[in-house]
């Protein structure tokens, strides 16, 4: 396969020449009549809303002493005995609110 020699000077000269003379644009413009109704303008399109990113969900992880874990289990079991379904996270949140709730008041 042979390479073709490209005359880049010729290409650049062709690219820089205007396609229509500047005077032709002024003469070719149609005159606007103020009596005629204006054509409706298209509204600018708004960009599409993007979907919110789904964040990965990870289980809560706490490093707690064994006796605290036993207390959490006891709180969950006591709530189950009363007929309330309580998760470990809810038990921890309730305990923290009880112990430190007065700091926000």
PDB file of N, CA and C in Angstrom:
ATOM      1  N   UNK A   1       0.836  -1.169   0.000  1.00  0.00           N
ATOM      2  CA  UNK A   1       0.000   0.000   0.000  1.00  0.00           C
ATOM      3  C   UNK A   1       0.886   1.239   0.000  1.00  0.00           C
ATOM      4  N   UNK A   2       0.633   2.140  -0.919  1.00  0.00           N
ATOM      5  CA  UNK A   2       1.462   3.334  -1.035  1.00  0.00           C
ATOM      6  C   UNK A   2       0.795   4.510  -0.341  1.00  0.00           C
ATOM      7  N   UNK A   3       1.602   5.392   0.196  1.00  0.00           N
ATOM      8  CA  UNK A   3       1.100   6.593   0.864  1.00  0.00           C
ATOM      9  C   UNK A   3       0.883   7.685  -0.162  1.00  0.00           C
ATOM     10  N   UNK A   4      -0.180   8.461   0.026  1.00  0.00           N
ATOM     11  CA  UNK A   4      -0.416   9.613  -0.829  1.00  0.00           C
ATOM     12  C   UNK A   4       0.212  10.831  -0.170  1.00  0.00           C
ATOM     13  N   UNK A   5       0.821  11.643  -0.974  1.00  0.00           N
ATOM     14  CA  UNK A   5       1.378  12.895  -0.471  1.00  0.00           C
ATOM     15  C   UNK A   5       0.268  13.933  -0.471  1.00  0.00           C
ATOM     16  N   UNK A   6       0.043  14.541   0.674  1.00  0.00           N
ATOM     17  CA  UNK A   6      -0.999  15.549   0.807  1.00  0.00           C
ATOM     18  C   UNK A   6      -0.362  16.918   0.779  1.00  0.00           C
ATOM     19  N   UNK A   7      -0.898  17.795  -0.050  1.00  0.00           N
ATOM     20  CA  UNK A   7      -0.415  19.172  -0.111  1.00  0.00           C
ATOM     21  C   UNK A   7      -1.155  19.963   0.961  1.00  0.00           C
ATOM     22  N   UNK A   8      -0.562  20.073   2.140  1.00  0.00           N
ATOM     23  CA  UNK A   8      -1.212  20.711   3.275  1.00  0.00           C
ATOM     24  C   UNK A   8      -1.397  22.212   3.055  1.00  0.00           C
ATOM     25  N   UNK A   9      -0.541  22.845   2.295  1.00  0.00           N
ATOM     26  CA  UNK A   9      -0.687  24.272   2.019  1.00  0.00           C
ATOM     27  C   UNK A   9      -1.972  24.517   1.235  1.00  0.00           C
ATOM     28  N   UNK A  10      -2.238  23.654   0.278  1.00  0.00           N
ATOM     29  CA  UNK A  10      -3.457  23.785  -0.518  1.00  0.00           C
ATOM     30  C   UNK A  10      -4.692  23.562   0.360  1.00  0.00           C
ATOM     31  N   UNK A  11      -4.607  22.599   1.254  1.00  0.00           N
ATOM     32  CA  UNK A  11      -5.713  22.304   2.166  1.00  0.00           C
ATOM     33  C   UNK A  11      -5.974  23.482   3.102  1.00  0.00           C
ATOM     34  N   UNK A  12      -4.917  24.074   3.661  1.00  0.00           N
ATOM     35  CA  UNK A  12      -5.055  25.207   4.576  1.00  0.00           C
ATOM     36  C   UNK A  12      -5.591  26.432   3.853  1.00  0.00           C
ATOM     37  N   UNK A  13      -5.169  26.651   2.636  1.00  0.00           N
ATOM     38  CA  UNK A  13      -5.647  27.808   1.879  1.00  0.00           C
ATOM     39  C   UNK A  13      -7.131  27.651   1.576  1.00  0.00           C
ATOM     40  N   UNK A  14      -7.567  26.459   1.274  1.00  0.00           N
ATOM     41  CA  UNK A  14      -8.982  26.209   0.976  1.00  0.00           C
ATOM     42  C   UNK A  14      -9.839  26.384   2.234  1.00  0.00           C
ATOM     43  N   UNK A  15      -9.316  25.967   3.367  1.00  0.00           N
ATOM     44  CA  UNK A  15     -10.057  26.049   4.621  1.00  0.00           C
ATOM     45  C   UNK A  15     -10.273  27.492   5.058  1.00  0.00           C
ATOM     46  N   UNK A  16      -9.335  28.372   4.779  1.00  0.00           N
ATOM     47  CA  UNK A  16      -9.410  29.744   5.254  1.00  0.00           C
ATOM     48  C   UNK A  16     -10.281  30.639   4.384  1.00  0.00           C
ATOM     49  N   UNK A  17     -10.641  30.202   3.189  1.00  0.00           N
ATOM     50  CA  UNK A  17     -11.451  31.060   2.323  1.00  0.00           C
ATOM     51  C   UNK A  17     -12.899  31.024   2.769  1.00  0.00           C
ATOM     52  N   UNK A  18     -13.561  32.195   2.816  1.00  0.00           N
ATOM     53  CA  UNK A  18     -14.978  32.203   3.215  1.00  0.00           C
ATOM     54  C   UNK A  18     -15.836  31.608   2.108  1.00  0.00           C
ATOM     55  N   UNK A  19     -16.940  30.977   2.500  1.00  0.00           N
ATOM     56  CA  UNK A  19     -17.813  30.333   1.526  1.00  0.00           C
ATOM     57  C   UNK A  19     -18.686  31.349   0.817  1.00  0.00           C
ATOM     58  N   UNK A  20     -19.131  32.401   1.506  1.00  0.00           N
ATOM     59  CA  UNK A  20     -19.924  33.455   0.877  1.00  0.00           C
ATOM     60  C   UNK A  20     -19.298  34.795   1.224  1.00  0.00           C
ATOM     61  N   UNK A  21     -19.386  35.727   0.308  1.00  0.00           N
ATOM     62  CA  UNK A  21     -18.834  37.052   0.629  1.00  0.00           C
ATOM     63  C   UNK A  21     -19.663  37.713   1.720  1.00  0.00           C
ATOM     64  N   UNK A  22     -19.061  38.552   2.563  1.00  0.00           N
ATOM     65  CA  UNK A  22     -19.792  39.173   3.673  1.00  0.00           C
ATOM     66  C   UNK A  22     -20.934  40.068   3.210  1.00  0.00           C
ATOM     67  N   UNK A  23     -20.852  40.678   2.008  1.00  0.00           N
ATOM     68  CA  UNK A  23     -21.923  41.541   1.515  1.00  0.00           C
ATOM     69  C   UNK A  23     -23.160  40.740   1.144  1.00  0.00           C
ATOM     70  N   UNK A  24     -22.984  39.503   0.747  1.00  0.00           N
ATOM     71  CA  UNK A  24     -24.112  38.679   0.319  1.00  0.00           C
ATOM     72  C   UNK A  24     -25.037  38.368   1.485  1.00  0.00           C
ATOM     73  N   UNK A  25     -24.499  38.257   2.689  1.00  0.00           N
ATOM     74  CA  UNK A  25     -25.330  37.970   3.863  1.00  0.00           C
ATOM     75  C   UNK A  25     -26.301  39.110   4.145  1.00  0.00           C
ATOM     76  N   UNK A  26     -25.828  40.341   4.002  1.00  0.00           N
ATOM     77  CA  UNK A  26     -26.680  41.493   4.276  1.00  0.00           C
ATOM     78  C   UNK A  26     -27.769  41.626   3.220  1.00  0.00           C
ATOM     79  N   UNK A  27     -27.461  41.322   1.967  1.00  0.00           N
ATOM     80  CA  UNK A  27     -28.441  41.434   0.899  1.00  0.00           C
ATOM     81  C   UNK A  27     -29.435  40.290   0.933  1.00  0.00           C
ATOM     82  N   UNK A  28     -29.027  39.113   1.346  1.00  0.00           N
ATOM     83  CA  UNK A  28     -29.888  37.934   1.315  1.00  0.00           C
ATOM     84  C   UNK A  28     -30.853  37.883   2.492  1.00  0.00           C
ATOM     85  N   UNK A  29     -30.661  38.712   3.503  1.00  0.00           N
ATOM     86  CA  UNK A  29     -31.530  38.679   4.679  1.00  0.00           C
ATOM     87  C   UNK A  29     -32.915  39.185   4.311  1.00  0.00           C
ATOM     88  N   UNK A  30     -33.984  38.424   4.623  1.00  0.00           N
ATOM     89  CA  UNK A  30     -35.333  38.876   4.292  1.00  0.00           C
ATOM     90  C   UNK A  30     -35.748  40.006   5.224  1.00  0.00           C
ATOM     91  N   UNK A  31     -36.604  40.872   4.699  1.00  0.00           N
ATOM     92  CA  UNK A  31     -37.072  41.975   5.507  1.00  0.00           C
ATOM     93  C   UNK A  31     -38.172  41.491   6.438  1.00  0.00           C
ATOM     94  N   UNK A  32     -38.176  42.025   7.639  1.00  0.00           N
ATOM     95  CA  UNK A  32     -39.151  41.612   8.641  1.00  0.00           C
ATOM     96  C   UNK A  32     -40.332  42.556   8.591  1.00  0.00           C
ATOM     97  N   UNK A  33     -41.523  42.011   8.470  1.00  0.00           N
ATOM     98  CA  UNK A  33     -42.736  42.806   8.482  1.00  0.00           C
ATOM     99  C   UNK A  33     -43.284  42.807   9.896  1.00  0.00           C
ATOM    100  N   UNK A  34     -43.555  43.986  10.437  1.00  0.00           N
ATOM    101  CA  UNK A  34     -44.055  44.078  11.809  1.00  0.00           C
ATOM    102  C   UNK A  34     -45.535  43.760  11.894  1.00  0.00           C
ATOM    103  N   UNK A  35     -46.225  43.729  10.756  1.00  0.00           N
ATOM    104  CA  UNK A  35     -47.656  43.445  10.750  1.00  0.00           C
ATOM    105  C   UNK A  35     -47.936  41.952  10.815  1.00  0.00           C
ATOM    106  N   UNK A  36     -47.028  41.151  10.316  1.00  0.00           N
ATOM    107  CA  UNK A  36     -47.240  39.705  10.275  1.00  0.00           C
ATOM    108  C   UNK A  36     -46.989  39.116  11.660  1.00  0.00           C
ATOM    109  N   UNK A  37     -47.782  38.092  12.039  1.00  0.00           N
ATOM    110  CA  UNK A  37     -47.537  37.466  13.352  1.00  0.00           C
ATOM    111  C   UNK A  37     -46.194  36.746  13.354  1.00  0.00           C
ATOM    112  N   UNK A  38     -45.521  36.845  14.456  1.00  0.00           N
ATOM    113  CA  UNK A  38     -44.207  36.225  14.584  1.00  0.00           C
ATOM    114  C   UNK A  38     -44.362  34.718  14.730  1.00  0.00           C
ATOM    115  N   UNK A  39     -43.413  34.007  14.183  1.00  0.00           N
ATOM    116  CA  UNK A  39     -43.433  32.548  14.306  1.00  0.00           C
ATOM    117  C   UNK A  39     -43.128  32.181  15.756  1.00  0.00           C
ATOM    118  N   UNK A  40     -43.819  31.176  16.290  1.00  0.00           N
ATOM    119  CA  UNK A  40     -43.569  30.814  17.695  1.00  0.00           C
ATOM    120  C   UNK A  40     -42.147  30.293  17.883  1.00  0.00           C
ATOM    121  N   UNK A  41     -41.519  30.783  18.911  1.00  0.00           N
ATOM    122  CA  UNK A  41     -40.155  30.370  19.219  1.00  0.00           C
ATOM    123  C   UNK A  41     -40.192  29.052  19.984  1.00  0.00           C
ATOM    124  N   UNK A  42     -39.289  28.153  19.651  1.00  0.00           N
ATOM    125  CA  UNK A  42     -39.187  26.910  20.413  1.00  0.00           C
ATOM    126  C   UNK A  42     -38.511  27.195  21.738  1.00  0.00           C
ATOM    127  N   UNK A  43     -39.087  26.680  22.766  1.00  0.00           N
ATOM    128  CA  UNK A  43     -38.495  26.861  24.096  1.00  0.00           C
ATOM    129  C   UNK A  43     -37.210  26.050  24.175  1.00  0.00           C
ATOM    130  N   UNK A  44     -36.252  26.586  24.884  1.00  0.00           N
ATOM    131  CA  UNK A  44     -34.998  25.868  25.066  1.00  0.00           C
ATOM    132  C   UNK A  44     -35.270  24.597  25.852  1.00  0.00           C
ATOM    133  N   UNK A  45     -34.690  23.521  25.371  1.00  0.00           N
ATOM    134  CA  UNK A  45     -34.914  22.243  26.039  1.00  0.00           C
ATOM    135  C   UNK A  45     -34.144  22.199  27.350  1.00  0.00           C
ATOM    136  N   UNK A  46     -34.820  21.756  28.370  1.00  0.00           N
ATOM    137  CA  UNK A  46     -34.160  21.611  29.660  1.00  0.00           C
ATOM    138  C   UNK A  46     -33.462  20.259  29.691  1.00  0.00           C
ATOM    139  N   UNK A  47     -32.337  20.174  30.353  1.00  0.00           N
ATOM    140  CA  UNK A  47     -31.642  18.894  30.411  1.00  0.00           C
ATOM    141  C   UNK A  47     -32.465  17.873  31.181  1.00  0.00           C
ATOM    142  N   UNK A  48     -32.318  16.626  30.783  1.00  0.00           N
ATOM    143  CA  UNK A  48     -33.046  15.555  31.450  1.00  0.00           C
ATOM    144  C   UNK A  48     -32.563  15.384  32.876  1.00  0.00           C
ATOM    145  N   UNK A  49     -33.497  15.089  33.730  1.00  0.00           N
ATOM    146  CA  UNK A  49     -33.135  14.835  35.123  1.00  0.00           C
ATOM    147  C   UNK A  49     -32.414  13.496  35.200  1.00  0.00           C
ATOM    148  N   UNK A  50     -31.350  13.474  35.944  1.00  0.00           N
ATOM    149  CA  UNK A  50     -30.591  12.233  36.092  1.00  0.00           C
ATOM    150  C   UNK A  50     -31.153  11.432  37.247  1.00  0.00           C
ATOM    151  N   UNK A  51     -31.012  10.152  37.138  1.00  0.00           N
ATOM    152  CA  UNK A  51     -31.453   9.292  38.235  1.00  0.00           C
ATOM    153  C   UNK A  51     -30.533   9.492  39.429  1.00  0.00           C
ATOM    154  N   UNK A  52     -31.104   9.450  40.625  1.00  0.00           N
ATOM    155  CA  UNK A  52     -30.228   9.562  41.795  1.00  0.00           C
ATOM    156  C   UNK A  52     -29.355   8.318  41.905  1.00  0.00           C
ATOM    157  N   UNK A  53     -28.151   8.535  42.348  1.00  0.00           N
ATOM    158  CA  UNK A  53     -27.242   7.398  42.509  1.00  0.00           C
ATOM    159  C   UNK A  53     -27.693   6.544  43.662  1.00  0.00           C
ATOM    160  N   UNK A  54     -27.668   5.271  43.458  1.00  0.00           N
ATOM    161  CA  UNK A  54     -28.020   4.347  44.526  1.00  0.00           C
ATOM    162  C   UNK A  54     -26.776   4.062  45.344  1.00  0.00           C
ATOM    163  N   UNK A  55     -26.870   4.395  46.601  1.00  0.00           N
ATOM    164  CA  UNK A  55     -25.743   4.169  47.495  1.00  0.00           C
ATOM    165  C   UNK A  55     -25.789   2.737  47.999  1.00  0.00           C
ATOM    166  N   UNK A  56     -24.644   2.080  48.049  1.00  0.00           N
ATOM    167  CA  UNK A  56     -24.643   0.706  48.560  1.00  0.00           C
ATOM    168  C   UNK A  56     -24.987   0.683  50.044  1.00  0.00           C
ATOM    169  N   UNK A  57     -25.750  -0.316  50.433  1.00  0.00           N
ATOM    170  CA  UNK A  57     -26.145  -0.434  51.835  1.00  0.00           C
ATOM    171  C   UNK A  57     -25.279  -1.499  52.502  1.00  0.00           C
ATOM    172  N   UNK A  58     -24.727  -1.128  53.606  1.00  0.00           N
ATOM    173  CA  UNK A  58     -23.910  -2.045  54.383  1.00  0.00           C
ATOM    174  C   UNK A  58     -24.558  -2.210  55.750  1.00  0.00           C
ATOM    175  N   UNK A  59     -24.478  -3.400  56.315  1.00  0.00           N
ATOM    176  CA  UNK A  59     -25.043  -3.569  57.661  1.00  0.00           C
ATOM    177  C   UNK A  59     -24.236  -2.761  58.673  1.00  0.00           C
ATOM    178  N   UNK A  60     -24.922  -2.287  59.697  1.00  0.00           N
ATOM    179  CA  UNK A  60     -24.243  -1.521  60.741  1.00  0.00           C
ATOM    180  C   UNK A  60     -23.283  -2.436  61.490  1.00  0.00           C
ATOM    181  N   UNK A  61     -22.143  -1.914  61.783  1.00  0.00           N
ATOM    182  CA  UNK A  61     -21.133  -2.702  62.473  1.00  0.00           C
ATOM    183  C   UNK A  61     -20.630  -1.899  63.672  1.00  0.00           C
ATOM    184  N   UNK A  62     -20.681  -2.516  64.832  1.00  0.00           N
ATOM    185  CA  UNK A  62     -20.222  -1.863  66.054  1.00  0.00           C
ATOM    186  C   UNK A  62     -19.259  -2.800  66.766  1.00  0.00           C
ATOM    187  N   UNK A  63     -18.235  -2.249  67.331  1.00  0.00           N
ATOM    188  CA  UNK A  63     -17.320  -3.031  68.170  1.00  0.00           C
ATOM    189  C   UNK A  63     -17.663  -2.702  69.604  1.00  0.00           C
ATOM    190  N   UNK A  64     -18.423  -3.586  70.216  1.00  0.00           N
ATOM    191  CA  UNK A  64     -18.878  -3.373  71.579  1.00  0.00           C
ATOM    192  C   UNK A  64     -18.402  -4.515  72.459  1.00  0.00           C
ATOM    193  N   UNK A  65     -18.228  -4.238  73.731  1.00  0.00           N
ATOM    194  CA  UNK A  65     -17.842  -5.310  74.659  1.00  0.00           C
ATOM    195  C   UNK A  65     -18.942  -6.363  74.749  1.00  0.00           C
ATOM    196  N   UNK A  66     -18.561  -7.535  75.184  1.00  0.00           N
ATOM    197  CA  UNK A  66     -19.491  -8.668  75.252  1.00  0.00           C
ATOM    198  C   UNK A  66     -20.663  -8.389  76.194  1.00  0.00           C
ATOM    199  N   UNK A  67     -20.409  -7.718  77.337  1.00  0.00           N
ATOM    200  CA  UNK A  67     -21.504  -7.448  78.261  1.00  0.00           C
ATOM    201  C   UNK A  67     -22.530  -6.481  77.666  1.00  0.00           C
ATOM    202  N   UNK A  68     -22.081  -5.531  76.823  1.00  0.00           N
ATOM    203  CA  UNK A  68     -23.007  -4.601  76.173  1.00  0.00           C
ATOM    204  C   UNK A  68     -23.843  -5.347  75.139  1.00  0.00           C
ATOM    205  N   UNK A  69     -23.214  -6.267  74.418  1.00  0.00           N
ATOM    206  CA  UNK A  69     -23.966  -7.074  73.454  1.00  0.00           C
ATOM    207  C   UNK A  69     -25.037  -7.902  74.160  1.00  0.00           C
ATOM    208  N   UNK A  70     -24.710  -8.401  75.353  1.00  0.00           N
ATOM    209  CA  UNK A  70     -25.692  -9.156  76.131  1.00  0.00           C
ATOM    210  C   UNK A  70     -26.846  -8.244  76.563  1.00  0.00           C
ATOM    211  N   UNK A  71     -26.547  -6.991  76.917  1.00  0.00           N
ATOM    212  CA  UNK A  71     -27.597  -6.042  77.295  1.00  0.00           C
ATOM    213  C   UNK A  71     -28.527  -5.751  76.110  1.00  0.00           C
ATOM    214  N   UNK A  72     -27.948  -5.618  74.916  1.00  0.00           N
ATOM    215  CA  UNK A  72     -28.755  -5.358  73.722  1.00  0.00           C
ATOM    216  C   UNK A  72     -29.675  -6.539  73.453  1.00  0.00           C
ATOM    217  N   UNK A  73     -29.133  -7.744  73.542  1.00  0.00           N
ATOM    218  CA  UNK A  73     -29.950  -8.952  73.347  1.00  0.00           C
ATOM    219  C   UNK A  73     -31.074  -9.019  74.364  1.00  0.00           C
ATOM    220  N   UNK A  74     -30.774  -8.658  75.638  1.00  0.00           N
ATOM    221  CA  UNK A  74     -31.799  -8.685  76.680  1.00  0.00           C
ATOM    222  C   UNK A  74     -32.893  -7.663  76.378  1.00  0.00           C
ATOM    223  N   UNK A  75     -32.532  -6.483  75.861  1.00  0.00           N
ATOM    224  CA  UNK A  75     -33.521  -5.458  75.528  1.00  0.00           C
ATOM    225  C   UNK A  75     -34.412  -5.924  74.376  1.00  0.00           C
ATOM    226  N   UNK A  76     -33.827  -6.582  73.398  1.00  0.00           N
ATOM    227  CA  UNK A  76     -34.608  -7.094  72.263  1.00  0.00           C
ATOM    228  C   UNK A  76     -35.553  -8.189  72.733  1.00  0.00           C
ATOM    229  N   UNK A  77     -35.058  -9.079  73.594  1.00  0.00           N
ATOM    230  CA  UNK A  77     -35.903 -10.166  74.116  1.00  0.00           C
ATOM    231  C   UNK A  77     -37.026  -9.616  74.992  1.00  0.00           C
ATOM    232  N   UNK A  78     -36.740  -8.602  75.819  1.00  0.00           N
ATOM    233  CA  UNK A  78     -37.766  -8.011  76.680  1.00  0.00           C
ATOM    234  C   UNK A  78     -38.858  -7.343  75.840  1.00  0.00           C
ATOM    235  N   UNK A  79     -38.462  -6.687  74.741  1.00  0.00           N
ATOM    236  CA  UNK A  79     -39.447  -6.068  73.860  1.00  0.00           C
ATOM    237  C   UNK A  79     -40.286  -7.132  73.159  1.00  0.00           C
ATOM    238  N   UNK A  80     -39.656  -8.247  72.793  1.00  0.00           N
ATOM    239  CA  UNK A  80     -40.392  -9.327  72.143  1.00  0.00           C
ATOM    240  C   UNK A  80     -41.406  -9.939  73.107  1.00  0.00           C
ATOM    241  N   UNK A  81     -41.054 -10.026  74.395  1.00  0.00           N
ATOM    242  CA  UNK A  81     -41.993 -10.550  75.397  1.00  0.00           C
ATOM    243  C   UNK A  81     -43.214  -9.644  75.533  1.00  0.00           C
ATOM    244  N   UNK A  82     -43.032  -8.331  75.301  1.00  0.00           N
ATOM    245  CA  UNK A  82     -44.141  -7.380  75.383  1.00  0.00           C
ATOM    246  C   UNK A  82     -44.922  -7.298  74.068  1.00  0.00           C
ATOM    247  N   UNK A  83     -44.477  -8.051  73.066  1.00  0.00           N
ATOM    248  CA  UNK A  83     -45.164  -8.057  71.774  1.00  0.00           C
ATOM    249  C   UNK A  83     -44.669  -6.997  70.811  1.00  0.00           C
ATOM    250  N   UNK A  84     -43.535  -6.368  71.094  1.00  0.00           N
ATOM    251  CA  UNK A  84     -42.970  -5.336  70.223  1.00  0.00           C
ATOM    252  C   UNK A  84     -41.766  -5.926  69.503  1.00  0.00           C
ATOM    253  N   UNK A  85     -41.766  -5.785  68.166  1.00  0.00           N
ATOM    254  CA  UNK A  85     -40.612  -6.262  67.403  1.00  0.00           C
ATOM    255  C   UNK A  85     -39.570  -5.151  67.381  1.00  0.00           C
ATOM    256  N   UNK A  86     -38.447  -5.396  68.024  1.00  0.00           N
ATOM    257  CA  UNK A  86     -37.393  -4.398  68.168  1.00  0.00           C
ATOM    258  C   UNK A  86     -36.100  -4.979  67.605  1.00  0.00           C
ATOM    259  N   UNK A  87     -35.485  -4.238  66.682  1.00  0.00           N
ATOM    260  CA  UNK A  87     -34.210  -4.694  66.138  1.00  0.00           C
ATOM    261  C   UNK A  87     -33.082  -4.252  67.064  1.00  0.00           C
ATOM    262  N   UNK A  88     -31.915  -4.803  66.828  1.00  0.00           N
ATOM    263  CA  UNK A  88     -30.756  -4.422  67.646  1.00  0.00           C
ATOM    264  C   UNK A  88     -30.414  -2.947  67.447  1.00  0.00           C
ATOM    265  N   UNK A  89     -30.521  -2.480  66.205  1.00  0.00           N
ATOM    266  CA  UNK A  89     -30.222  -1.064  65.939  1.00  0.00           C
ATOM    267  C   UNK A  89     -31.202  -0.149  66.667  1.00  0.00           C
ATOM    268  N   UNK A  90     -32.489  -0.537  66.678  1.00  0.00           N
ATOM    269  CA  UNK A  90     -33.480   0.270  67.381  1.00  0.00           C
ATOM    270  C   UNK A  90     -33.227   0.280  68.883  1.00  0.00           C
ATOM    271  N   UNK A  91     -32.779  -0.859  69.421  1.00  0.00           N
ATOM    272  CA  UNK A  91     -32.481  -0.925  70.854  1.00  0.00           C
ATOM    273  C   UNK A  91     -31.307  -0.026  71.208  1.00  0.00           C
ATOM    274  N   UNK A  92     -30.288  -0.026  70.366  1.00  0.00           N
ATOM    275  CA  UNK A  92     -29.120   0.827  70.600  1.00  0.00           C
ATOM    276  C   UNK A  92     -29.520   2.301  70.485  1.00  0.00           C
ATOM    277  N   UNK A  93     -30.327   2.652  69.456  1.00  0.00           N
ATOM    278  CA  UNK A  93     -30.755   4.041  69.273  1.00  0.00           C
ATOM    279  C   UNK A  93     -31.582   4.514  70.463  1.00  0.00           C
ATOM    280  N   UNK A  94     -32.479   3.660  70.962  1.00  0.00           N
ATOM    281  CA  UNK A  94     -33.309   4.039  72.109  1.00  0.00           C
ATOM    282  C   UNK A  94     -32.455   4.236  73.360  1.00  0.00           C
ATOM    283  N   UNK A  95     -31.462   3.384  73.552  1.00  0.00           N
ATOM    284  CA  UNK A  95     -30.587   3.512  74.716  1.00  0.00           C
ATOM    285  C   UNK A  95     -29.766   4.798  74.651  1.00  0.00           C
ATOM    286  N   UNK A  96     -29.278   5.132  73.476  1.00  0.00           N
ATOM    287  CA  UNK A  96     -28.488   6.361  73.333  1.00  0.00           C
ATOM    288  C   UNK A  96     -29.369   7.586  73.554  1.00  0.00           C
ATOM    289  N   UNK A  97     -30.595   7.563  73.008  1.00  0.00           N
ATOM    290  CA  UNK A  97     -31.511   8.697  73.220  1.00  0.00           C
ATOM    291  C   UNK A  97     -31.868   8.863  74.690  1.00  0.00           C
ATOM    292  N   UNK A  98     -32.039   7.735  75.397  1.00  0.00           N
ATOM    293  CA  UNK A  98     -32.368   7.806  76.819  1.00  0.00           C
ATOM    294  C   UNK A  98     -31.198   8.372  77.617  1.00  0.00           C
ATOM    295  N   UNK A  99     -29.980   7.928  77.282  1.00  0.00           N
ATOM    296  CA  UNK A  99     -28.809   8.338  78.056  1.00  0.00           C
ATOM    297  C   UNK A  99     -28.377   9.763  77.726  1.00  0.00           C
ATOM    298  N   UNK A 100     -28.454  10.156  76.446  1.00  0.00           N
ATOM    299  CA  UNK A 100     -27.892  11.450  76.039  1.00  0.00           C
ATOM    300  C   UNK A 100     -28.921  12.409  75.452  1.00  0.00           C
ATOM    301  N   UNK A 101     -30.193  12.112  75.566  1.00  0.00           N
ATOM    302  CA  UNK A 101     -31.234  12.970  74.992  1.00  0.00           C
ATOM    303  C   UNK A 101     -31.293  14.354  75.599  1.00  0.00           C
ATOM    304  N   UNK A 102     -30.876  14.482  76.866  1.00  0.00           N
ATOM    305  CA  UNK A 102     -30.949  15.785  77.524  1.00  0.00           C
ATOM    306  C   UNK A 102     -29.898  16.768  77.007  1.00  0.00           C
ATOM    307  N   UNK A 103     -28.908  16.293  76.252  1.00  0.00           N
ATOM    308  CA  UNK A 103     -27.879  17.191  75.717  1.00  0.00           C
ATOM    309  C   UNK A 103     -28.425  18.090  74.619  1.00  0.00           C
ATOM    310  N   UNK A 104     -29.458  17.632  73.921  1.00  0.00           N
ATOM    311  CA  UNK A 104     -30.031  18.410  72.847  1.00  0.00           C
ATOM    312  C   UNK A 104     -31.150  19.329  73.297  1.00  0.00           C
ATOM    313  N   UNK A 105     -31.617  19.151  74.501  1.00  0.00           N
ATOM    314  CA  UNK A 105     -32.754  19.958  74.981  1.00  0.00           C
ATOM    315  C   UNK A 105     -32.341  21.333  75.406  1.00  0.00           C
TER     316      UNK A 105
END
